[in-house]
Protein backbone atom coordinates (compact mmCIF):
# COMPACT_ATOMS: atom_id res chain seq x y z
CA ASN A 1 -0.36 -0.12 -0.53
CA ARG A 2 1.38 3.63 -1.17
CA ASN A 3 0.12 4.84 2.49
CA GLN A 4 2.62 2.46 4.30
CA LEU A 5 5.55 3.11 2.55
CA ASP A 6 7.66 6.18 4.24
CA ALA A 7 10.31 7.95 2.41
CA ARG A 8 12.94 5.90 2.45
CA GLY A 9 10.89 3.37 1.52
CA ARG A 10 9.61 4.86 -1.86
CA GLN A 11 12.94 6.53 -2.28
CA MET A 12 14.85 2.97 -2.22
CA ILE A 13 11.92 1.87 -4.45
CA LEU A 14 12.91 4.17 -6.87
CA LEU A 15 16.61 3.43 -7.14
CA ASP A 16 15.91 -0.62 -7.80
CA ALA A 17 13.29 -0.22 -10.35
CA TYR A 18 15.59 1.81 -12.88
CA PRO A 19 18.53 -1.15 -12.90
CA MET A 20 15.95 -3.56 -12.88
CA LEU A 21 14.44 -2.14 -16.19
CA ALA A 22 17.77 -1.63 -18.02
CA LEU A 23 18.29 -5.76 -16.80
CA ALA A 24 14.66 -6.30 -17.99
CA ALA A 25 15.66 -4.78 -21.45
CA ALA A 26 18.68 -5.59 -21.75
CA CYS A 27 17.54 -9.01 -21.61
CA ASP A 28 14.72 -8.63 -24.28
CA ALA A 29 17.46 -8.13 -26.41
CA LEU A 30 19.51 -10.34 -26.25
CA VAL A 31 16.15 -13.17 -25.64
CA ALA A 32 15.16 -11.35 -29.38
CA TRP A 33 18.75 -11.83 -30.87
CA LEU A 34 17.50 -15.60 -29.04
CA LEU A 35 15.21 -16.05 -31.46
CA VAL A 36 16.91 -14.52 -34.56
CA GLY A 37 19.82 -17.25 -33.99
CA VAL A 38 16.46 -19.95 -33.66
CA ILE A 39 15.09 -19.04 -36.95
CA ARG A 40 18.21 -18.97 -38.36
CA LYS A 41 19.34 -23.03 -37.66
CA ARG A 42 22.65 -21.70 -35.16
CA GLU A 43 21.63 -23.34 -31.82
CA HIS A 44 24.29 -25.41 -31.91
CA THR A 45 27.21 -22.47 -32.65
CA LYS A 46 29.25 -21.17 -29.34
CA SER A 47 27.75 -18.01 -30.04
CA PHE A 48 23.94 -19.09 -28.55
CA GLY A 49 25.63 -20.27 -26.21
CA ALA A 50 27.06 -17.05 -24.92
CA LEU A 51 23.64 -15.66 -25.43
CA LEU A 52 21.94 -18.33 -23.37
CA PHE A 53 24.55 -17.68 -20.08
CA SER A 54 24.29 -14.07 -20.80
CA ILE A 55 20.65 -13.59 -20.43
CA ALA A 56 21.40 -16.39 -17.25
CA CYS A 57 23.01 -13.66 -15.91
CA CYS A 58 19.99 -10.76 -16.73
CA CYS A 59 17.12 -13.72 -14.30
CA PHE A 60 20.65 -14.17 -11.76
CA GLY A 61 20.72 -10.08 -11.47
CA GLU A 62 17.67 -9.94 -11.63
CA ALA A 63 16.58 -11.69 -8.78
CA ILE A 64 19.27 -10.31 -6.59
CA LEU A 65 17.71 -7.11 -7.73
CA PHE A 66 14.28 -7.64 -6.99
CA THR A 67 15.60 -9.24 -2.96
CA LEU A 68 16.29 -5.73 -2.02
CA LEU A 69 12.44 -5.08 -2.54
CA ILE A 70 11.19 -7.82 0.06
CA THR A 71 11.55 -5.36 3.30
CA GLN A 72 8.42 -3.60 0.84
CA PHE A 73 6.62 -6.39 -1.11
CA GLN A 74 6.31 -10.06 0.08
CA MET A 75 5.43 -10.68 -3.49
CA ALA A 76 9.28 -9.61 -4.48
CA LEU A 77 10.13 -13.15 -2.52
CA PHE A 78 8.44 -14.95 -5.82
CA ALA A 79 10.11 -12.64 -8.07
CA VAL A 80 13.12 -14.28 -6.79
CA CYS A 81 12.60 -17.60 -6.78
CA PHE A 82 11.20 -17.08 -11.03
CA ALA A 83 13.83 -15.65 -11.78
CA LEU A 84 16.36 -17.23 -10.32
CA ALA A 85 14.61 -20.38 -11.42
CA LEU A 86 14.69 -19.04 -15.12
CA GLY A 87 18.10 -18.46 -14.74
CA LEU A 88 19.07 -22.04 -14.20
CA CYS A 89 16.74 -23.07 -16.45
CA MET A 90 18.77 -21.09 -19.48
CA LEU A 91 21.92 -23.00 -17.60
CA ILE A 92 20.56 -26.42 -17.94
CA VAL A 93 19.15 -25.38 -21.90
CA ARG A 94 22.97 -24.19 -22.53
CA HIS A 95 24.55 -27.23 -21.63
CA LEU A 96 22.20 -29.07 -23.53
CA LEU A 97 22.83 -27.71 -26.46
CA ALA A 98 26.50 -27.57 -25.86
CA GLN A 99 26.68 -31.10 -25.86
CA ALA A 100 24.42 -31.37 -28.59
CA ALA A 101 26.81 -29.34 -30.59
CA GLU A 102 29.21 -31.93 -29.37
CA ILE A 103 27.66 -34.83 -30.71
CA LYS A 104 26.42 -33.06 -34.14
CA GLN A 105 30.21 -32.25 -34.80
CA GLU A 106 31.32 -35.97 -33.67
CA ASN A 107 29.04 -37.46 -36.15
CA GLU A 108 29.62 -34.40 -38.86
CA PHE A 109 33.11 -36.96 -39.03
CA THR A 110 32.07 -40.37 -39.05
CA ILE A 111 31.28 -41.70 -42.71
């Protein structure tokens, strides 16, 4: 509730909201670039893995920034858990695609 926030709480929210928005915009751009890579069928390249790692780092960064808001908003804890889970999923997908790239490279060398 806005009436329950003091001036320090409002200031903390604003100081946290701008980096969160900037990080979310960067993550959106990375996801768009990732989708372009999927459309161009480049999912078995190292740059694709780097994009997934960057997206995971953005998710972890958002989790850290949302952690600062838990004292003001209890629902921020849900956002922290969601961002951590999404970041871990991105790292798992990155690892799986790296293994798939290795298998693809091995299959290209067989006759």
